Amino acid sequence: AGVTKLLIGLLNSPHVQLINETVVALCLLTAKLPPLAQVVEQIDSEFIYTKSIDVLNMDDTTCPIQVKYNVVTLVVNLLKWNLTAITDNLKKPELMDKLLKYENELSIVEEFKNLLI
């Protein structure tokens, strides 16, 4: 959990494979409920919001769809924490619209929609 900030910094990589590996690691860190206090303290949800938009905007030939699915999972994991400071950053319309694009492909998007209520 002490490496959360270091992991988040790797989202700046120009390499999609490293971004994906980072997102998967963050998914594992954020899946625990209730979340670990140390992880909550180190999560920068505004930065994750920005990077999520960047990945979801990438062309499918540059960024495989599975990487985008992992980003969706990360966002849902963070929303499950139900912490206002984090959810306020992630419930912005642009990200919501991007995630809903995968509604027919991923069952987790239904969970995402329920977390928005």
Protein backbone atom coordinates (compact mmCIF):
# COMPACT_ATOMS: atom_id res chain seq x y z
CA ALA A 1 0.00 0.00 0.00
CA GLY A 2 2.97 2.31 0.55
CA VAL A 3 3.75 2.25 -3.16
CA THR A 4 0.41 3.67 -4.30
CA LYS A 5 1.85 7.09 -5.20
CA LEU A 6 4.68 5.47 -7.15
CA LEU A 7 2.22 3.31 -9.07
CA ILE A 8 -0.01 6.24 -9.90
CA GLY A 9 3.00 8.08 -11.34
CA LEU A 10 3.50 5.23 -13.81
CA LEU A 11 0.21 6.18 -15.45
CA ASN A 12 2.21 8.94 -17.16
CA SER A 13 4.03 6.32 -19.23
CA PRO A 14 3.75 6.56 -23.01
CA HIS A 15 3.74 2.73 -23.10
CA VAL A 16 0.28 1.16 -23.07
CA GLN A 17 1.59 -2.11 -21.62
CA LEU A 18 3.06 -0.31 -18.59
CA ILE A 19 -0.15 1.69 -18.18
CA ASN A 20 -2.14 -1.54 -18.21
CA GLU A 21 0.14 -3.26 -15.70
CA THR A 22 -0.16 -0.20 -13.46
CA VAL A 23 -3.94 -0.13 -13.76
CA VAL A 24 -4.15 -3.84 -12.89
CA ALA A 25 -1.96 -3.29 -9.82
CA LEU A 26 -4.15 -0.34 -8.80
CA CYS A 27 -7.25 -2.49 -9.31
CA LEU A 28 -5.84 -5.03 -6.88
CA LEU A 29 -4.99 -2.30 -4.36
CA THR A 30 -8.40 -0.66 -4.60
CA ALA A 31 -10.56 -3.80 -4.61
CA LYS A 32 -10.46 -4.26 -0.82
CA LEU A 33 -13.53 -3.08 1.10
CA PRO A 34 -13.26 -1.22 3.32
CA PRO A 35 -10.22 0.30 1.63
CA LEU A 36 -6.86 0.40 3.35
CA ALA A 37 -6.35 3.80 4.98
CA GLN A 38 -2.87 4.11 3.52
CA VAL A 39 -4.19 3.52 0.00
CA VAL A 40 -6.99 6.06 0.47
CA GLU A 41 -4.49 8.67 1.65
CA GLN A 42 -2.26 8.13 -1.38
CA ILE A 43 -4.89 7.90 -4.11
CA ASP A 44 -5.06 10.97 -6.31
CA SER A 45 -8.55 10.59 -7.75
CA GLU A 46 -8.30 13.75 -9.85
CA PHE A 47 -5.16 12.43 -11.54
CA ILE A 48 -6.75 9.01 -12.01
CA TYR A 49 -9.79 10.74 -13.54
CA THR A 50 -7.55 12.56 -16.04
CA LYS A 51 -5.55 9.46 -16.91
CA SER A 52 -8.72 7.37 -17.23
CA ILE A 53 -10.08 9.84 -19.78
CA ASP A 54 -6.75 9.75 -21.62
CA VAL A 55 -6.78 5.93 -21.86
CA LEU A 56 -10.46 5.73 -22.80
CA ASN A 57 -9.85 8.30 -25.56
CA MET A 58 -7.00 6.27 -27.09
CA ASP A 59 -7.60 4.65 -30.44
CA ASP A 60 -8.44 0.93 -30.13
CA THR A 61 -5.51 0.04 -32.39
CA THR A 62 -3.09 1.85 -30.05
CA CYS A 63 -4.72 0.76 -26.82
CA PRO A 64 -6.37 -2.68 -26.68
CA ILE A 65 -9.95 -2.75 -25.42
CA GLN A 66 -8.89 -4.92 -22.47
CA VAL A 67 -6.80 -2.04 -21.13
CA LYS A 68 -9.87 0.17 -21.26
CA TYR A 69 -11.87 -2.51 -19.46
CA ASN A 70 -9.26 -2.48 -16.69
CA VAL A 71 -9.65 1.29 -16.39
CA VAL A 72 -13.41 0.83 -16.02
CA THR A 73 -12.77 -1.68 -13.22
CA LEU A 74 -10.42 0.73 -11.44
CA VAL A 75 -13.00 3.52 -11.53
CA VAL A 76 -15.73 1.19 -10.22
CA ASN A 77 -13.42 0.01 -7.41
CA LEU A 78 -12.82 3.60 -6.35
CA LEU A 79 -16.52 4.48 -6.50
CA LYS A 80 -17.30 1.51 -4.25
CA TRP A 81 -15.31 3.20 -1.50
CA ASN A 82 -18.12 5.75 -1.36
CA LEU A 83 -15.80 8.51 -0.18
CA THR A 84 -17.06 11.94 -1.24
CA ALA A 85 -13.61 13.39 -1.96
CA ILE A 86 -12.96 10.56 -4.41
CA THR A 87 -16.39 10.01 -5.91
CA ASP A 88 -16.84 13.73 -6.64
CA ASN A 89 -13.79 13.60 -8.91
CA LEU A 90 -14.96 10.46 -10.69
CA LYS A 91 -18.62 11.31 -11.22
CA LYS A 92 -17.89 13.99 -13.80
CA PRO A 93 -20.03 13.72 -16.95
CA GLU A 94 -17.16 13.17 -19.39
CA LEU A 95 -15.92 10.06 -17.58
CA MET A 96 -19.45 8.77 -17.04
CA ASP A 97 -20.18 9.05 -20.76
CA LYS A 98 -16.94 7.23 -21.64
CA LEU A 99 -17.68 4.38 -19.23
CA LEU A 100 -21.28 3.97 -20.36
CA LYS A 101 -19.93 3.31 -23.86
CA TYR A 102 -18.95 -0.16 -22.58
CA GLU A 103 -22.35 -0.87 -21.07
CA ASN A 104 -23.17 -3.73 -23.46
CA GLU A 105 -19.72 -5.29 -23.21
CA LEU A 106 -19.03 -5.25 -19.47
CA SER A 107 -21.37 -6.29 -16.69
CA ILE A 108 -19.39 -4.10 -14.28
CA VAL A 109 -20.79 -1.01 -16.03
CA GLU A 110 -24.20 -1.86 -14.56
CA GLU A 111 -22.57 -1.76 -11.15
CA PHE A 112 -21.02 1.58 -12.12
CA LYS A 113 -24.45 2.99 -12.98
CA ASN A 114 -25.81 1.84 -9.61
CA LEU A 115 -22.94 3.57 -7.82
CA LEU A 116 -23.91 6.85 -9.49
CA ILE A 117 -27.32 6.90 -7.83
